Protein backbone atom coordinates (compact mmCIF):
# COMPACT_ATOMS: atom_id res chain seq x y z
CA MET A 1 0.11 -0.32 0.14
CA ALA A 2 3.50 2.37 0.59
CA LEU A 3 3.86 2.12 -2.49
CA GLU A 4 0.76 2.44 -4.73
CA ALA A 5 0.52 6.32 -2.30
CA PHE A 6 3.90 6.86 -3.54
CA ILE A 7 2.94 5.68 -7.47
CA SER A 8 -0.18 7.75 -6.96
CA ASN A 9 1.35 11.23 -5.04
CA TRP A 10 3.65 10.91 -8.02
CA LEU A 11 2.15 10.49 -11.30
CA GLY A 12 -1.49 10.76 -9.82
CA PRO A 13 -4.63 8.93 -10.03
CA ASP A 14 -5.69 8.86 -13.33
CA LEU A 15 -3.13 6.04 -15.13
CA PRO A 16 -3.15 5.56 -19.17
CA VAL A 17 -1.26 2.02 -17.75
CA ARG A 18 -1.21 -0.76 -15.28
CA ILE A 19 1.45 -0.47 -13.11
CA GLN A 20 2.87 -3.78 -11.24
CA ALA A 21 5.04 -4.23 -8.14
CA PHE A 22 7.24 -7.02 -6.83
CA ASP A 23 4.80 -6.42 -3.36
CA GLY A 24 1.77 -6.72 -5.00
CA THR A 25 0.94 -3.32 -5.85
CA ASP A 26 -1.82 -3.02 -8.28
CA VAL A 27 -2.66 0.77 -9.63
CA GLY A 28 -4.04 1.56 -12.92
CA PRO A 29 -6.92 0.30 -15.05
CA LYS A 30 -6.98 -3.70 -14.56
CA ASP A 31 -7.96 -3.88 -18.43
CA ALA A 32 -4.92 -1.59 -19.96
CA LYS A 33 -3.20 -2.47 -23.06
CA THR A 34 0.43 -1.39 -21.45
CA THR A 35 1.68 -2.94 -18.58
CA ILE A 36 4.72 -1.72 -16.54
CA SER A 37 6.17 -4.38 -13.98
CA LEU A 38 8.52 -2.94 -11.26
CA ARG A 39 10.00 -6.50 -10.70
CA SER A 40 12.44 -5.64 -7.77
CA ARG A 41 13.76 -4.05 -4.72
CA ASP A 42 16.49 -2.34 -7.08
CA GLY A 43 14.23 -0.53 -8.97
CA LEU A 44 13.84 1.80 -6.42
CA MET A 45 16.89 1.81 -6.00
CA ARG A 46 18.21 3.65 -9.12
CA MET A 47 15.06 5.76 -8.54
CA ALA A 48 16.60 7.15 -5.22
CA THR A 49 20.56 6.87 -6.44
CA ALA A 50 19.86 8.94 -9.78
CA PRO A 51 16.26 11.01 -9.02
CA GLY A 52 15.59 11.28 -12.78
CA GLU A 53 15.28 10.02 -16.08
CA LEU A 54 19.14 8.45 -15.39
CA GLY A 55 17.63 5.95 -12.92
CA LEU A 56 14.42 4.95 -14.71
CA ALA A 57 16.81 4.15 -17.82
CA ARG A 58 18.73 2.51 -15.94
CA SER A 59 16.00 0.36 -14.25
CA TYR A 60 14.49 -0.52 -17.59
CA VAL A 61 17.70 -1.55 -19.15
CA ALA A 62 19.27 -3.77 -16.80
CA GLY A 63 15.88 -4.74 -16.38
CA ASP A 64 14.86 -3.96 -13.02
CA ILE A 65 11.47 -2.45 -14.84
CA ASP A 66 10.24 -3.60 -17.56
CA ILE A 67 7.10 -2.96 -20.38
CA GLU A 68 4.20 -5.31 -21.79
CA GLY A 69 2.38 -3.75 -24.70
CA ASP A 70 2.75 -0.86 -26.14
CA ILE A 71 5.87 2.15 -25.36
CA TYR A 72 3.80 5.24 -26.48
CA ASP A 73 1.59 4.41 -23.51
CA VAL A 74 4.53 4.61 -21.39
CA LEU A 75 4.96 8.25 -22.98
CA GLU A 76 2.37 9.33 -22.84
CA LEU A 77 3.34 9.59 -18.48
CA ARG A 78 4.92 12.65 -19.58
CA HIS A 79 1.77 14.69 -19.43
CA LEU A 80 1.01 13.51 -16.11
CA MET A 81 4.03 15.35 -14.44
CA SER A 82 6.09 18.42 -14.94
CA LYS A 83 9.60 16.98 -14.84
CA VAL A 84 10.77 13.30 -14.43
CA SER A 85 12.81 13.77 -11.39
CA LEU A 86 12.27 13.32 -7.59
CA THR A 87 11.24 16.61 -5.09
CA ALA A 88 13.04 15.76 -1.77
CA GLY A 89 10.73 14.74 -0.23
CA GLN A 90 9.16 11.63 -2.67
CA ILE A 91 13.57 10.75 -2.69
CA ARG A 92 12.65 10.44 1.49
CA GLN A 93 9.42 8.14 0.45
CA LEU A 94 11.89 5.58 -1.70
CA VAL A 95 14.04 5.21 1.15
CA LYS A 96 11.67 4.79 3.63
CA LEU A 97 10.29 2.04 1.24
CA ILE A 98 13.32 0.60 0.61
CA GLY A 99 13.68 0.44 4.29
CA LEU A 100 18.21 1.59 5.25
CA SER A 101 19.29 -1.93 5.51
CA HIS A 102 18.55 -2.82 1.87
CA ILE A 103 20.38 0.55 0.77
CA ARG A 104 23.71 -0.33 -1.24
CA PRO A 105 24.74 0.80 -4.21
CA ILE A 106 24.06 -1.02 -7.61
CA SER A 107 26.60 -0.46 -10.62
CA PRO A 108 24.80 0.84 -13.48
CA PRO A 109 24.16 -1.45 -16.41
CA PRO A 110 27.37 -2.19 -18.48
CA GLU A 111 26.26 -0.37 -21.61
CA GLU A 112 26.13 3.16 -20.25
CA HIS A 113 28.98 5.03 -21.73
CA ARG A 114 31.06 6.86 -18.97
CA ARG A 115 32.03 10.09 -19.37
CA SER A 116 35.33 9.99 -21.63
CA ARG A 117 38.90 11.61 -21.03
CA GLY A 118 40.24 14.66 -22.45
CA ARG A 119 38.67 17.75 -23.81
CA LEU A 120 34.77 17.93 -25.98
CA HIS A 121 35.35 17.43 -29.23
CA THR A 122 38.48 16.27 -29.85
CA ARG A 123 39.44 13.87 -32.92
CA GLY A 124 40.23 11.16 -30.13
CA ARG A 125 37.12 11.51 -27.89
CA ASP A 126 34.90 12.20 -31.01
CA SER A 127 35.72 8.82 -32.60
CA GLU A 128 34.89 6.79 -28.84
CA ALA A 129 31.71 9.04 -29.23
CA ILE A 130 30.66 8.02 -32.31
CA SER A 131 31.92 4.61 -32.01
CA HIS A 132 29.77 3.83 -28.93
CA HIS A 133 26.96 4.54 -31.29
CA TYR A 134 27.13 3.74 -34.20
CA ASP A 135 29.71 0.81 -34.23
CA VAL A 136 27.02 -1.48 -32.65
CA SER A 137 26.47 -4.16 -35.01
CA ASN A 138 25.10 -3.31 -39.07
CA GLU A 139 23.16 -5.84 -38.96
CA PHE A 140 21.13 -4.60 -36.02
CA TYR A 141 20.99 -0.58 -38.36
CA ARG A 142 19.31 -2.89 -40.69
CA LEU A 143 16.84 -4.43 -39.24
CA VAL A 144 15.85 -1.10 -37.67
CA LEU A 145 16.10 1.18 -40.27
CA GLY A 146 15.21 -0.82 -43.16
CA ASN A 147 16.98 -1.66 -47.35
CA SER A 148 17.77 2.19 -47.23
CA LEU A 149 19.95 1.82 -44.74
CA THR A 150 19.39 5.24 -43.47
CA TYR A 151 20.18 7.12 -40.29
CA SER A 152 18.53 10.53 -40.54
CA CYS A 153 15.26 11.87 -41.36
CA ALA A 154 13.30 10.87 -43.99
CA LEU A 155 10.68 13.21 -46.47
CA PHE A 156 6.86 11.96 -46.77
CA GLU A 157 5.45 13.10 -49.55
CA ASN A 158 2.54 11.24 -47.67
CA PRO A 159 1.84 8.78 -44.46
CA GLY A 160 1.65 6.23 -46.91
CA ASP A 161 4.71 6.09 -48.12
CA SER A 162 7.46 3.55 -47.48
CA LEU A 163 10.29 4.13 -45.80
CA GLU A 164 12.66 3.63 -48.39
CA GLN A 165 10.97 5.68 -51.01
CA ALA A 166 10.75 8.25 -47.86
CA GLN A 167 14.63 8.04 -48.00
CA GLU A 168 14.90 8.53 -51.67
CA ASN A 169 12.70 10.95 -51.19
CA LYS A 170 15.18 13.22 -48.99
CA TYR A 171 18.12 12.40 -50.62
CA GLU A 172 16.60 12.98 -54.14
CA LEU A 173 15.35 16.96 -51.97
CA ILE A 174 18.91 17.64 -51.10
CA CYS A 175 20.46 16.71 -54.87
CA GLN A 176 18.15 19.38 -56.09
CA LYS A 177 18.72 22.00 -53.48
CA LEU A 178 22.62 21.40 -53.98
CA GLY A 179 21.79 21.72 -58.21
CA LEU A 180 24.01 18.65 -58.61
CA GLN A 181 24.96 17.82 -61.97
CA PRO A 182 26.96 15.22 -63.96
CA GLY A 183 30.54 15.59 -63.61
CA MET A 184 30.18 17.35 -59.71
CA ARG A 185 32.46 16.70 -56.59
CA LEU A 186 30.68 16.43 -53.79
CA LEU A 187 31.28 15.49 -50.48
CA ASP A 188 29.02 14.19 -47.83
CA ILE A 189 30.09 14.91 -44.16
CA GLY A 190 29.10 11.80 -42.22
CA SER A 191 28.06 9.27 -44.84
CA GLY A 192 26.98 6.13 -42.76
CA TRP A 193 26.39 3.55 -44.73
CA GLY A 194 26.86 5.17 -48.28
CA GLY A 195 23.18 6.38 -48.82
CA MET A 196 23.19 9.64 -49.88
CA VAL A 197 26.86 9.65 -52.43
CA MET A 198 25.38 6.21 -53.79
CA HIS A 199 22.03 8.50 -54.84
CA ALA A 200 23.93 11.13 -56.03
CA ALA A 201 26.24 9.12 -57.99
CA GLN A 202 23.64 6.48 -59.46
CA HIS A 203 20.89 9.33 -60.58
CA HIS A 204 22.70 12.51 -60.62
CA GLY A 205 25.88 11.14 -61.97
CA VAL A 206 29.01 13.23 -59.86
CA GLU A 207 31.64 11.93 -58.39
CA ALA A 208 31.59 11.58 -54.90
CA VAL A 209 33.78 11.27 -51.49
CA GLY A 210 32.03 10.20 -48.56
CA LEU A 211 33.33 10.81 -44.86
CA THR A 212 32.25 8.76 -41.59
CA ILE A 213 34.79 7.72 -38.33
CA SER A 214 32.78 4.73 -37.67
CA ARG A 215 34.90 1.70 -39.26
CA ASN A 216 31.48 -0.69 -38.79
CA GLN A 217 29.70 2.19 -41.63
CA VAL A 218 33.08 2.37 -43.14
CA ASP A 219 33.13 -0.99 -44.00
CA LEU A 220 29.79 -1.99 -45.67
CA ALA A 221 29.52 1.63 -47.45
CA ARG A 222 32.54 -0.06 -49.03
CA LYS A 223 30.60 -3.01 -49.49
CA ARG A 224 27.75 -1.64 -51.42
CA VAL A 225 29.48 1.08 -52.91
CA ALA A 226 31.17 -1.87 -54.57
CA GLU A 227 28.08 -4.07 -55.09
CA ALA A 228 26.44 -1.41 -57.01
CA GLY A 229 29.53 -0.50 -59.26
CA LEU A 230 29.79 2.28 -58.26
CA THR A 231 33.85 2.53 -56.82
CA ASP A 232 35.36 4.47 -60.30
CA ARG A 233 32.46 7.33 -58.55
CA ILE A 234 32.35 6.89 -54.93
CA ASP A 235 35.74 6.69 -52.56
CA ILE A 236 34.20 5.92 -48.65
CA ARG A 237 36.87 6.71 -46.54
CA LEU A 238 37.30 6.66 -42.04
CA GLN A 239 38.51 10.24 -42.37
CA ASP A 240 37.21 13.25 -39.49
CA TYR A 241 35.70 16.30 -41.49
CA ARG A 242 38.82 17.85 -40.13
CA GLU A 243 41.77 16.42 -41.98
CA ILE A 244 39.82 15.86 -45.42
CA ASP A 245 42.43 18.51 -48.06
CA ASP A 246 41.72 17.36 -51.59
CA GLY A 247 39.45 20.32 -51.92
CA PRO A 248 37.87 21.70 -54.21
CA PHE A 249 34.69 20.53 -54.22
CA ASP A 250 30.98 21.86 -56.05
CA ALA A 251 28.73 20.86 -52.79
CA ILE A 252 28.88 19.20 -49.36
CA SER A 253 26.22 17.93 -47.70
CA SER A 254 26.00 17.28 -43.86
CA ILE A 255 22.96 14.91 -43.07
CA GLY A 256 22.60 13.58 -39.50
CA MET A 257 26.22 14.09 -38.38
CA PHE A 258 26.09 17.84 -37.01
CA GLU A 259 24.91 17.18 -33.48
CA HIS A 260 27.93 15.43 -33.14
CA VAL A 261 30.08 19.09 -33.45
CA GLY A 262 29.73 20.68 -30.78
CA LEU A 263 29.13 24.07 -29.89
CA ARG A 264 32.61 25.67 -29.36
CA ARG A 265 33.25 23.12 -33.04
CA LEU A 266 31.04 25.50 -35.09
CA GLY A 267 33.30 27.78 -35.97
CA THR A 268 36.32 25.44 -37.13
CA TYR A 269 33.34 23.03 -38.89
CA PHE A 270 32.09 25.90 -41.19
CA THR A 271 35.44 27.57 -41.77
CA GLN A 272 36.09 23.97 -43.09
CA VAL A 273 33.50 24.26 -44.99
CA GLU A 274 33.82 27.12 -46.57
CA ASN A 275 37.29 26.06 -47.39
CA LEU A 276 36.52 23.27 -49.55
CA LEU A 277 33.67 24.69 -51.86
CA VAL A 278 33.98 26.15 -54.74
CA PRO A 279 33.47 29.63 -55.36
CA GLY A 280 29.37 29.20 -56.45
CA GLY A 281 29.11 26.14 -54.12
CA ARG A 282 26.53 24.96 -51.59
CA VAL A 283 26.08 22.77 -48.77
CA LEU A 284 23.15 21.17 -47.29
CA ASN A 285 23.09 20.80 -43.86
CA HIS A 286 20.70 18.54 -42.15
CA ALA A 287 20.53 18.79 -38.62
CA ILE A 288 18.43 18.08 -35.11
CA SER A 289 18.18 21.14 -33.58
CA ARG A 290 16.39 22.53 -30.56
CA THR A 291 14.56 25.90 -29.35
CA GLY A 292 16.48 27.84 -26.36
CA SER A 293 20.16 29.68 -25.24
CA ALA A 294 22.96 27.72 -26.39
CA GLU A 295 23.41 26.67 -22.81
CA SER A 296 19.46 24.71 -23.09
CA THR A 297 20.49 22.53 -26.65
CA ARG A 298 22.97 20.99 -25.22
CA ILE A 299 22.13 17.29 -24.33
CA HIS A 300 22.21 17.08 -20.50
CA LYS A 301 25.71 15.00 -19.43
CA THR A 302 23.29 12.74 -16.84
CA GLY A 303 20.34 12.13 -18.79
CA PHE A 304 19.35 9.24 -20.96
CA MET A 305 20.37 10.17 -24.18
CA GLU A 306 24.02 11.64 -22.93
CA ARG A 307 25.13 8.43 -21.01
CA TYR A 308 23.21 5.62 -23.34
CA VAL A 309 22.88 6.96 -26.68
CA PHE A 310 24.80 9.94 -27.61
CA PRO A 311 27.99 10.79 -25.98
CA ASP A 312 28.96 14.26 -26.00
CA GLY A 313 25.97 15.11 -28.56
CA GLU A 314 25.28 19.23 -28.78
CA LEU A 315 22.03 19.83 -30.26
CA HIS A 316 21.90 23.58 -31.94
CA GLU A 317 19.67 26.06 -31.97
CA VAL A 318 19.14 26.81 -36.27
CA GLY A 319 19.73 30.44 -35.82
CA ASN A 320 22.94 30.04 -34.51
CA VAL A 321 23.78 27.84 -37.21
CA VAL A 322 22.52 30.47 -39.61
CA SER A 323 24.62 33.14 -38.02
CA ALA A 324 27.54 30.33 -37.76
CA LEU A 325 27.69 29.54 -41.63
CA GLN A 326 27.21 33.64 -42.77
CA ASP A 327 30.01 34.88 -40.27
CA HIS A 328 32.25 32.20 -42.02
CA GLY A 329 31.54 33.42 -45.66
CA LEU A 330 28.64 30.85 -46.87
CA GLU A 331 25.51 32.74 -47.91
CA VAL A 332 22.14 30.92 -45.98
CA ARG A 333 19.18 30.98 -49.21
CA HIS A 334 17.06 28.74 -47.45
CA MET A 335 15.57 27.09 -44.42
CA GLU A 336 13.36 24.08 -43.85
CA ASN A 337 11.75 22.10 -40.78
CA LEU A 338 10.99 18.89 -41.51
CA ARG A 339 10.21 17.70 -37.94
CA GLU A 340 6.75 15.96 -38.35
CA HIS A 341 8.76 13.87 -40.91
CA TYR A 342 10.94 12.71 -38.51
CA ALA A 343 8.35 11.64 -35.93
CA LEU A 344 7.48 9.14 -38.74
CA THR A 345 10.41 8.11 -39.36
CA LEU A 346 11.27 7.38 -35.90
CA ARG A 347 8.04 5.94 -35.40
CA ARG A 348 8.64 3.61 -38.64
CA TRP A 349 12.15 2.44 -37.26
CA VAL A 350 10.42 1.68 -33.71
CA ALA A 351 7.64 -0.70 -35.92
CA ASN A 352 11.28 -2.29 -37.46
CA LEU A 353 12.43 -2.90 -34.27
CA GLU A 354 9.48 -4.27 -32.51
CA THR A 355 8.93 -6.51 -35.81
CA ASN A 356 12.36 -8.06 -35.85
CA TRP A 357 12.35 -7.92 -31.92
CA ASP A 358 14.41 -11.96 -31.33
CA ALA A 359 16.56 -10.94 -34.06
CA ALA A 360 17.46 -8.06 -32.89
CA VAL A 361 18.30 -9.54 -29.37
CA VAL A 362 20.43 -11.73 -30.34
CA GLU A 363 22.50 -9.57 -32.57
CA VAL A 364 23.07 -6.74 -29.87
CA GLY A 365 21.24 -8.40 -26.50
CA GLU A 366 18.40 -7.34 -25.17
CA ALA A 367 19.23 -4.21 -23.38
CA ARG A 368 20.48 -2.63 -25.89
CA ALA A 369 17.69 -3.31 -28.07
CA LYS A 370 15.68 -1.57 -24.98
CA ILE A 371 17.80 1.29 -25.22
CA TRP A 372 17.07 2.10 -28.92
CA ARG A 373 13.33 1.33 -28.47
CA LEU A 374 12.56 3.89 -25.51
CA TYR A 375 15.29 6.01 -27.75
CA MET A 376 13.89 6.00 -30.41
CA ALA A 377 9.80 6.34 -29.02
CA ALA A 378 10.94 9.12 -27.03
CA SER A 379 12.73 10.80 -30.08
CA ALA A 380 9.25 10.58 -32.57
CA VAL A 381 7.00 11.87 -29.10
CA GLY A 382 9.64 14.63 -28.75
CA PHE A 383 9.57 15.77 -32.32
CA GLU A 384 5.47 15.89 -32.06
CA ASP A 385 5.30 17.70 -29.09
CA ASN A 386 7.04 20.25 -30.98
CA HIS A 387 10.28 20.24 -28.69
CA ILE A 388 12.68 19.45 -31.38
CA HIS A 389 12.72 19.82 -34.96
CA VAL A 390 15.22 18.98 -37.99
CA ASP A 391 16.60 21.60 -40.02
CA GLN A 392 17.92 21.71 -43.54
CA VAL A 393 19.83 25.06 -43.96
CA LEU A 394 20.75 25.57 -48.27
CA ALA A 395 23.66 28.14 -47.96
CA VAL A 396 25.92 29.46 -51.14
CA LYS A 397 29.65 30.35 -51.18
CA THR A 398 28.90 33.74 -53.28
CA PRO A 399 32.08 34.86 -55.20
CA SER A 400 32.94 38.24 -55.34
CA SER A 401 30.75 39.48 -57.70
CA GLY A 402 27.34 38.29 -56.12
CA ALA A 403 25.83 36.00 -58.16
CA SER A 404 24.67 32.82 -56.04
CA GLY A 405 23.51 31.26 -58.62
CA ILE A 406 20.47 30.08 -57.10
CA PRO A 407 17.55 29.98 -59.64
CA LEU A 408 14.88 33.06 -58.57
CA ARG A 409 11.96 30.71 -58.10
CA PRO A 410 13.29 27.18 -56.73
CA SER A 411 11.47 24.46 -57.71
CA TRP A 412 12.11 22.49 -54.21
CA ALA A 413 10.99 25.45 -52.99
């Protein structure tokens, strides 16, 4: 009864899910299609020692809390609390529930990323952070992302588009914005498994260089390029954007990697981009953003996303991105917010993961599969709730003549 009172005090009486606990506590609708099971006292311990989303995430990843049913029903709980973290009074309640004789430290799940040493966004630390997220398993990503193997927001002409078609739509839109023509040289920074460079080479006749600092991505991207018969036009490199020195390029795309650049590295990043572009060359920056001050856009250092998903990740405010581009010789010509499209994309990825759950668990283990399920579903509702955006910003290195080369009324605008 004490645990039931704590849950009711924290979440209120009108629960959208059923909650069952190891001590027999059973609250919420008996006929709810989704049940949260608190399987052990350790779950309470984790919540008391990390009283916020981190403690809850640790409990879920470790198996102290389990979810049977729809993950989105659980995320509806966000409407019942002003914030996930507990008050001092609620923490005292938890300690009483646990009992002083049972209080003990519990190590975080092994999947949790401990803070790296060294300065933020150095090449070595960036490489470690990227490896944590992307060098999981290429087959796992295929199960989640589908055959397109594209890990960025798709573009839906209508909600019924297949995920593969929507990803092709996205690549084609970017190619049009960049004005790609046969014989041009394209640089794709953060090229993943090669989707953008392959589309641009196949459909627009460009020569392309794709950069990633994930070894797993390089290995599979090179294999995919070879199978497509494009090795004479595509060069996939294990290389940091700061290391490339064989410009110039006619166009540069950056799709879904900008979150790893860092607020203090914007100048370095856009200086390099500007240096690598020919006069009149265009750059398309596609990135997740969050509104607010520079400080508020950082992913919280003790939050679930930082510890389990994107170590050292930072979400930039799009106005700061526009200013940084223009401060470094790049004229911004177009900006587009695609947040509803990312919500649709993420829901497709969650559905893929759940459909392929058993295979995913065999590939990476249940704990990591649960991390991806929670992070992608939570991100989907974040886009739907207008808490995060994804923006495409197009800029041009306008020559001294002032002739940008941008059409007066672009067909893609």
